[in-house]
């Protein structure tokens, strides 16, 4: 597994139940802004690992763009709804309320990508 993927997973495992974050927010948190697509590749590679809550990672608009990487077309939505996140037409409702920003939540300095 690549170091990049390991850094992504280290953030993803900290997303609390009932909260979501975006590919771009994770990329910024690990010091790789502009690498949202590669974060998506990491999420795709993790879909068989139950320790990685990949269902909590969505696009910047709250769309379930990674849903096709889960068994069945509704599994990602079902997992989120089981955690209290309402999804309509593949989009998280009240996205800003559920959004978890790894930089602020983990106390990271965005410019240095280190703990403050």
Protein backbone atom coordinates (compact mmCIF):
# COMPACT_ATOMS: atom_id res chain seq x y z
CA UNK A 1 0.00 0.00 0.00
CA UNK A 2 1.33 3.45 -0.84
CA UNK A 3 2.28 6.02 1.77
CA UNK A 4 -0.32 8.36 0.24
CA UNK A 5 -3.11 5.82 0.76
CA UNK A 6 -1.95 5.18 4.34
CA UNK A 7 -2.11 8.91 5.09
CA UNK A 8 -5.61 9.07 3.60
CA UNK A 9 -6.79 6.13 5.70
CA UNK A 10 -5.28 7.66 8.85
CA UNK A 11 -7.68 10.59 8.38
CA UNK A 12 -10.70 8.58 7.23
CA UNK A 13 -10.73 6.29 10.27
CA UNK A 14 -11.19 9.39 12.44
CA UNK A 15 -14.40 10.59 10.77
CA UNK A 16 -17.11 10.17 13.42
CA UNK A 17 -20.36 8.33 12.78
CA UNK A 18 -23.00 10.66 11.39
CA UNK A 19 -20.41 12.97 9.83
CA UNK A 20 -18.93 13.13 6.33
CA UNK A 21 -16.00 14.80 4.65
CA UNK A 22 -14.88 15.38 1.08
CA UNK A 23 -12.07 13.99 -1.03
CA UNK A 24 -10.58 17.48 -1.28
CA UNK A 25 -10.73 18.11 2.46
CA UNK A 26 -8.77 14.91 3.05
CA UNK A 27 -6.25 15.87 0.37
CA UNK A 28 -5.68 19.26 2.03
CA UNK A 29 -5.40 17.63 5.47
CA UNK A 30 -2.59 15.34 4.35
CA UNK A 31 -0.71 18.16 2.63
CA UNK A 32 -1.68 17.22 -0.92
CA UNK A 33 -4.15 19.87 -2.09
CA UNK A 34 -5.28 19.18 -5.63
CA UNK A 35 -5.14 15.41 -5.08
CA UNK A 36 -8.84 14.81 -4.43
CA UNK A 37 -9.02 12.32 -7.30
CA UNK A 38 -6.18 10.28 -5.79
CA UNK A 39 -8.03 10.28 -2.46
CA UNK A 40 -10.93 8.81 -4.44
CA UNK A 41 -8.64 6.06 -5.72
CA UNK A 42 -7.66 5.31 -2.11
CA UNK A 43 -11.33 5.08 -1.14
CA UNK A 44 -11.98 2.71 -4.04
CA UNK A 45 -9.07 0.52 -2.95
CA UNK A 46 -10.45 0.35 0.60
CA UNK A 47 -14.02 -0.72 -0.14
CA UNK A 48 -13.42 -4.28 1.11
CA UNK A 49 -11.82 -3.13 4.36
CA UNK A 50 -14.51 -2.73 7.04
CA UNK A 51 -12.09 -0.72 9.21
CA UNK A 52 -12.09 2.14 6.68
CA UNK A 53 -15.44 4.02 6.72
CA UNK A 54 -15.21 4.96 3.04
CA UNK A 55 -18.96 5.65 2.96
CA UNK A 56 -18.28 8.84 4.94
CA UNK A 57 -16.26 10.38 2.09
CA UNK A 58 -18.24 12.24 -0.58
CA UNK A 59 -17.60 14.95 -3.13
CA UNK A 60 -17.41 18.64 -2.26
CA UNK A 61 -21.13 19.10 -2.91
CA UNK A 62 -22.22 16.19 -0.74
CA UNK A 63 -22.88 13.84 -3.66
CA UNK A 64 -22.33 10.11 -3.24
CA UNK A 65 -19.97 9.89 -6.19
CA UNK A 66 -18.25 6.79 -4.77
CA UNK A 67 -21.44 4.76 -4.40
CA UNK A 68 -20.60 2.45 -7.30
CA UNK A 69 -17.66 1.05 -5.37
CA UNK A 70 -19.96 -0.51 -2.78
CA UNK A 71 -21.90 -3.75 -3.15
CA UNK A 72 -25.33 -2.86 -4.44
CA UNK A 73 -26.22 0.60 -5.64
CA UNK A 74 -27.70 1.76 -2.33
CA UNK A 75 -25.23 0.42 0.24
CA UNK A 76 -23.36 3.70 0.67
CA UNK A 77 -26.65 5.53 1.21
CA UNK A 78 -27.89 2.87 3.62
CA UNK A 79 -24.70 3.04 5.70
CA UNK A 80 -24.99 6.82 5.95
CA UNK A 81 -28.69 6.72 6.78
CA UNK A 82 -27.99 4.14 9.50
CA UNK A 83 -25.76 6.82 11.05
CA UNK A 84 -28.47 9.49 10.84
CA UNK A 85 -27.36 11.18 7.63
CA UNK A 86 -30.31 11.83 5.31
CA UNK A 87 -29.66 11.25 1.61
CA UNK A 88 -32.02 12.22 -1.22
CA UNK A 89 -31.19 11.57 -4.89
CA UNK A 90 -27.61 10.60 -3.98
CA UNK A 91 -27.02 13.90 -2.17
CA UNK A 92 -26.54 14.46 1.54
CA UNK A 93 -29.19 16.74 2.99
CA UNK A 94 -27.95 19.49 5.32
CA UNK A 95 -24.43 18.80 4.07
CA UNK A 96 -22.85 21.66 6.03
CA UNK A 97 -24.36 20.30 9.26
CA UNK A 98 -22.80 16.86 8.68
CA UNK A 99 -19.51 18.07 7.19
CA UNK A 100 -16.40 17.15 9.19
CA UNK A 101 -13.35 19.26 8.33
CA UNK A 102 -10.25 17.21 9.16
CA UNK A 103 -8.00 20.27 9.35
CA UNK A 104 -10.02 21.97 12.07
CA UNK A 105 -11.26 18.80 13.79
CA UNK A 106 -7.79 17.27 14.05
CA UNK A 107 -6.07 20.55 14.91
CA UNK A 108 -3.93 20.61 11.79
CA UNK A 109 -2.27 23.73 10.40
CA UNK A 110 -3.35 23.80 6.76
CA UNK A 111 -0.21 25.59 5.61
CA UNK A 112 2.20 23.28 7.39
CA UNK A 113 0.08 20.15 7.71
CA UNK A 114 1.25 19.65 11.27
CA UNK A 115 -0.51 19.57 14.61
CA UNK A 116 -0.72 23.02 16.16
